[in-house]
Amino acid sequence: MGRTIPTYRLHLESILNDWTDYRRALREKDREVFDRLLNKSRQHSSAASYCAHLDPSILALLSILLEMERDIEALKRERSSAGGDTGPRADS
């Protein structure tokens, strides 16, 4: 019989389970932030499934970074629409 290849989602859950000890060592307020980060990694499981040749840990971190970048962009838009631009910005 042929062997089946575990899906990316199974790999991801295995990685997240490996990080349980780290999570347990965090302060409670940091655990909440950590859990939100892990949820961000789950949001892009479908896209990551297409990259089976890459390390699943890298894909999980890339997914987190992608969501964080989206959050940053949303905050920038909110700031600029609220008239918060009072001077030159370093990232311009």
N, C-alpha and C. Protein backbone atom coordinates (compact mmCIF):
# COMPACT_ATOMS: atom_id res chain seq x y z
N MET A 1 0.83 -1.18 0.00
CA MET A 1 0.00 0.00 0.00
C MET A 1 0.88 1.25 0.00
N GLY A 2 0.37 2.31 -0.60
CA GLY A 2 1.11 3.56 -0.62
C GLY A 2 0.97 4.32 0.68
N ARG A 3 1.92 5.17 0.92
CA ARG A 3 1.86 5.99 2.13
C ARG A 3 1.16 7.30 1.82
N THR A 4 0.48 7.81 2.80
CA THR A 4 -0.17 9.11 2.63
C THR A 4 0.71 10.19 3.22
N ILE A 5 0.68 11.34 2.59
CA ILE A 5 1.46 12.48 3.07
C ILE A 5 0.54 13.33 3.95
N PRO A 6 0.98 13.63 5.17
CA PRO A 6 0.15 14.46 6.05
C PRO A 6 -0.09 15.84 5.43
N THR A 7 -1.26 16.37 5.63
CA THR A 7 -1.59 17.68 5.09
C THR A 7 -0.84 18.76 5.85
N TYR A 8 -0.78 19.94 5.24
CA TYR A 8 -0.15 21.06 5.92
C TYR A 8 -0.85 21.37 7.23
N ARG A 9 -2.17 21.28 7.24
CA ARG A 9 -2.91 21.57 8.47
C ARG A 9 -2.50 20.65 9.61
N LEU A 10 -2.27 19.38 9.30
CA LEU A 10 -1.79 18.45 10.33
C LEU A 10 -0.39 18.82 10.79
N HIS A 11 0.48 19.19 9.83
CA HIS A 11 1.83 19.64 10.20
C HIS A 11 1.75 20.87 11.10
N LEU A 12 0.89 21.81 10.72
CA LEU A 12 0.77 23.04 11.50
C LEU A 12 0.32 22.75 12.92
N GLU A 13 -0.69 21.93 13.08
CA GLU A 13 -1.17 21.61 14.42
C GLU A 13 -0.09 20.91 15.23
N SER A 14 0.71 20.08 14.57
CA SER A 14 1.83 19.42 15.26
C SER A 14 2.86 20.46 15.73
N ILE A 15 3.16 21.43 14.87
CA ILE A 15 4.09 22.50 15.24
C ILE A 15 3.55 23.29 16.42
N LEU A 16 2.28 23.66 16.34
CA LEU A 16 1.68 24.45 17.41
C LEU A 16 1.64 23.66 18.71
N ASN A 17 1.44 22.36 18.63
CA ASN A 17 1.50 21.52 19.84
C ASN A 17 2.91 21.48 20.42
N ASP A 18 3.91 21.52 19.54
CA ASP A 18 5.30 21.53 20.02
C ASP A 18 5.61 22.80 20.80
N TRP A 19 4.88 23.87 20.52
CA TRP A 19 5.11 25.15 21.19
C TRP A 19 4.31 25.29 22.49
N THR A 20 3.63 24.22 22.91
CA THR A 20 2.78 24.28 24.11
C THR A 20 3.58 24.60 25.37
N ASP A 21 4.76 24.00 25.50
CA ASP A 21 5.57 24.28 26.70
C ASP A 21 5.97 25.75 26.77
N TYR A 22 6.31 26.31 25.62
CA TYR A 22 6.66 27.74 25.57
C TYR A 22 5.46 28.57 26.01
N ARG A 23 4.29 28.24 25.47
CA ARG A 23 3.07 28.96 25.82
C ARG A 23 2.80 28.88 27.32
N ARG A 24 2.96 27.71 27.87
CA ARG A 24 2.70 27.50 29.29
C ARG A 24 3.63 28.35 30.16
N ALA A 25 4.85 28.61 29.68
CA ALA A 25 5.82 29.38 30.45
C ALA A 25 5.57 30.89 30.39
N LEU A 26 4.72 31.32 29.46
CA LEU A 26 4.43 32.74 29.32
C LEU A 26 3.49 33.24 30.42
N ARG A 27 3.56 34.56 30.66
CA ARG A 27 2.58 35.17 31.56
C ARG A 27 1.21 35.10 30.90
N GLU A 28 0.17 35.18 31.70
CA GLU A 28 -1.19 35.02 31.17
C GLU A 28 -1.50 36.04 30.08
N LYS A 29 -1.11 37.31 30.27
CA LYS A 29 -1.40 38.32 29.25
C LYS A 29 -0.64 38.04 27.96
N ASP A 30 0.55 37.47 28.08
CA ASP A 30 1.33 37.10 26.89
C ASP A 30 0.76 35.87 26.21
N ARG A 31 0.15 34.97 26.99
CA ARG A 31 -0.48 33.79 26.40
C ARG A 31 -1.60 34.19 25.45
N GLU A 32 -2.36 35.20 25.83
CA GLU A 32 -3.46 35.67 24.98
C GLU A 32 -2.92 36.19 23.65
N VAL A 33 -1.84 36.94 23.70
CA VAL A 33 -1.22 37.46 22.47
C VAL A 33 -0.65 36.30 21.65
N PHE A 34 -0.01 35.37 22.31
CA PHE A 34 0.56 34.20 21.64
C PHE A 34 -0.53 33.41 20.93
N ASP A 35 -1.66 33.22 21.60
CA ASP A 35 -2.78 32.49 20.99
C ASP A 35 -3.31 33.21 19.75
N ARG A 36 -3.35 34.54 19.81
CA ARG A 36 -3.80 35.31 18.64
C ARG A 36 -2.82 35.12 17.48
N LEU A 37 -1.53 35.09 17.78
CA LEU A 37 -0.53 34.86 16.73
C LEU A 37 -0.71 33.48 16.10
N LEU A 38 -0.93 32.48 16.93
CA LEU A 38 -1.11 31.14 16.39
C LEU A 38 -2.36 31.05 15.53
N ASN A 39 -3.39 31.76 15.91
CA ASN A 39 -4.60 31.78 15.09
C ASN A 39 -4.34 32.44 13.74
N LYS A 40 -3.46 33.43 13.72
CA LYS A 40 -3.09 34.06 12.46
C LYS A 40 -2.42 33.05 11.52
N SER A 41 -1.65 32.14 12.09
CA SER A 41 -0.99 31.14 11.24
C SER A 41 -2.00 30.19 10.62
N ARG A 42 -3.09 29.95 11.30
CA ARG A 42 -4.13 29.05 10.78
C ARG A 42 -4.91 29.70 9.64
N GLN A 43 -4.94 31.01 9.57
CA GLN A 43 -5.74 31.70 8.57
C GLN A 43 -5.26 31.48 7.15
N HIS A 44 -4.03 31.07 6.98
CA HIS A 44 -3.47 30.91 5.64
C HIS A 44 -3.08 29.46 5.35
N SER A 45 -3.76 28.53 6.00
CA SER A 45 -3.47 27.11 5.79
C SER A 45 -3.69 26.68 4.35
N SER A 46 -4.71 27.21 3.73
CA SER A 46 -5.00 26.81 2.35
C SER A 46 -3.87 27.21 1.42
N ALA A 47 -3.39 28.44 1.55
CA ALA A 47 -2.29 28.90 0.69
C ALA A 47 -1.01 28.11 0.99
N ALA A 48 -0.75 27.86 2.25
CA ALA A 48 0.46 27.14 2.63
C ALA A 48 0.44 25.69 2.14
N SER A 49 -0.75 25.14 1.97
CA SER A 49 -0.87 23.76 1.48
C SER A 49 -0.27 23.60 0.09
N TYR A 50 -0.20 24.67 -0.66
CA TYR A 50 0.36 24.62 -2.01
C TYR A 50 1.89 24.61 -2.00
N CYS A 51 2.49 24.79 -0.86
CA CYS A 51 3.95 24.88 -0.76
C CYS A 51 4.51 23.71 0.03
N ALA A 52 4.12 22.52 -0.32
CA ALA A 52 4.53 21.33 0.43
C ALA A 52 6.05 21.14 0.46
N HIS A 53 6.74 21.76 -0.48
CA HIS A 53 8.20 21.60 -0.54
C HIS A 53 8.93 22.47 0.48
N LEU A 54 8.21 23.41 1.12
CA LEU A 54 8.83 24.29 2.12
C LEU A 54 8.62 23.76 3.53
N ASP A 55 9.45 24.22 4.44
CA ASP A 55 9.35 23.84 5.84
C ASP A 55 8.04 24.39 6.42
N PRO A 56 7.19 23.55 7.00
CA PRO A 56 5.92 24.02 7.56
C PRO A 56 6.09 25.10 8.63
N SER A 57 7.18 25.06 9.37
CA SER A 57 7.41 26.10 10.40
C SER A 57 7.59 27.46 9.75
N ILE A 58 8.32 27.49 8.65
CA ILE A 58 8.54 28.75 7.92
C ILE A 58 7.20 29.26 7.39
N LEU A 59 6.39 28.38 6.87
CA LEU A 59 5.08 28.79 6.35
C LEU A 59 4.18 29.34 7.46
N ALA A 60 4.25 28.73 8.64
CA ALA A 60 3.45 29.22 9.77
C ALA A 60 3.89 30.63 10.15
N LEU A 61 5.20 30.84 10.22
CA LEU A 61 5.71 32.16 10.58
C LEU A 61 5.40 33.19 9.48
N LEU A 62 5.50 32.77 8.23
CA LEU A 62 5.17 33.67 7.12
C LEU A 62 3.70 34.08 7.17
N SER A 63 2.84 33.16 7.51
CA SER A 63 1.41 33.47 7.63
C SER A 63 1.16 34.48 8.75
N ILE A 64 1.86 34.32 9.86
CA ILE A 64 1.73 35.26 10.97
C ILE A 64 2.21 36.64 10.53
N LEU A 65 3.35 36.70 9.86
CA LEU A 65 3.88 37.98 9.39
C LEU A 65 2.94 38.65 8.40
N LEU A 66 2.34 37.88 7.53
CA LEU A 66 1.39 38.43 6.56
C LEU A 66 0.20 39.08 7.27
N GLU A 67 -0.34 38.40 8.26
CA GLU A 67 -1.47 38.96 9.00
C GLU A 67 -1.06 40.20 9.80
N MET A 68 0.14 40.18 10.36
CA MET A 68 0.62 41.34 11.11
C MET A 68 0.80 42.54 10.19
N GLU A 69 1.29 42.30 8.98
CA GLU A 69 1.45 43.38 8.01
C GLU A 69 0.09 43.96 7.64
N ARG A 70 -0.91 43.10 7.48
CA ARG A 70 -2.26 43.59 7.19
C ARG A 70 -2.77 44.46 8.34
N ASP A 71 -2.50 44.04 9.58
CA ASP A 71 -2.92 44.83 10.75
C ASP A 71 -2.23 46.19 10.76
N ILE A 72 -0.95 46.21 10.44
CA ILE A 72 -0.19 47.47 10.41
C ILE A 72 -0.76 48.40 9.35
N GLU A 73 -1.03 47.86 8.16
CA GLU A 73 -1.60 48.68 7.09
C GLU A 73 -2.96 49.25 7.49
N ALA A 74 -3.77 48.46 8.16
CA ALA A 74 -5.09 48.94 8.60
C ALA A 74 -4.93 50.07 9.62
N LEU A 75 -3.98 49.94 10.52
CA LEU A 75 -3.72 50.99 11.51
C LEU A 75 -3.23 52.27 10.84
N LYS A 76 -2.37 52.12 9.81
CA LYS A 76 -1.89 53.30 9.08
C LYS A 76 -3.05 54.01 8.39
N ARG A 77 -3.94 53.23 7.77
CA ARG A 77 -5.10 53.84 7.11
C ARG A 77 -5.99 54.56 8.12
N GLU A 78 -6.21 53.94 9.27
CA GLU A 78 -7.03 54.58 10.31
C GLU A 78 -6.38 55.88 10.77
N ARG A 79 -5.08 55.84 10.96
CA ARG A 79 -4.36 57.03 11.43
C ARG A 79 -4.45 58.15 10.41
N SER A 80 -4.25 57.82 9.15
CA SER A 80 -4.27 58.87 8.13
C SER A 80 -5.68 59.39 7.90
N SER A 81 -6.70 58.55 8.01
CA SER A 81 -8.08 59.03 7.83
C SER A 81 -8.56 59.84 9.03
N ALA A 82 -7.93 59.65 10.18
CA ALA A 82 -8.30 60.42 11.37
C ALA A 82 -7.58 61.75 11.41
N GLY A 83 -6.76 62.03 10.42
CA GLY A 83 -6.02 63.30 10.39
C GLY A 83 -4.81 63.31 11.31
N GLY A 84 -4.29 62.12 11.60
CA GLY A 84 -3.16 62.01 12.51
C GLY A 84 -1.83 62.37 11.89
N ASP A 85 -1.79 62.67 10.59
CA ASP A 85 -0.53 63.03 9.94
C ASP A 85 -0.21 64.48 10.27
N THR A 86 0.72 64.69 11.19
CA THR A 86 1.07 66.05 11.59
C THR A 86 2.45 66.47 11.12
N GLY A 87 3.17 65.56 10.51
CA GLY A 87 4.51 65.89 10.05
C GLY A 87 5.09 64.81 9.20
N PRO A 88 6.34 64.95 8.81
CA PRO A 88 6.98 63.95 7.97
C PRO A 88 7.11 62.63 8.71
N ARG A 89 6.98 61.54 7.95
CA ARG A 89 7.08 60.21 8.55
C ARG A 89 8.39 59.57 8.14
N ALA A 90 8.90 58.74 9.01
CA ALA A 90 10.17 58.06 8.75
C ALA A 90 10.05 57.03 7.64
N ASP A 91 8.84 56.45 7.45
CA ASP A 91 8.70 55.40 6.46
C ASP A 91 8.29 55.91 5.09
N SER A 92 8.26 57.20 4.89
CA SER A 92 7.86 57.76 3.59
C SER A 92 8.98 57.68 2.59
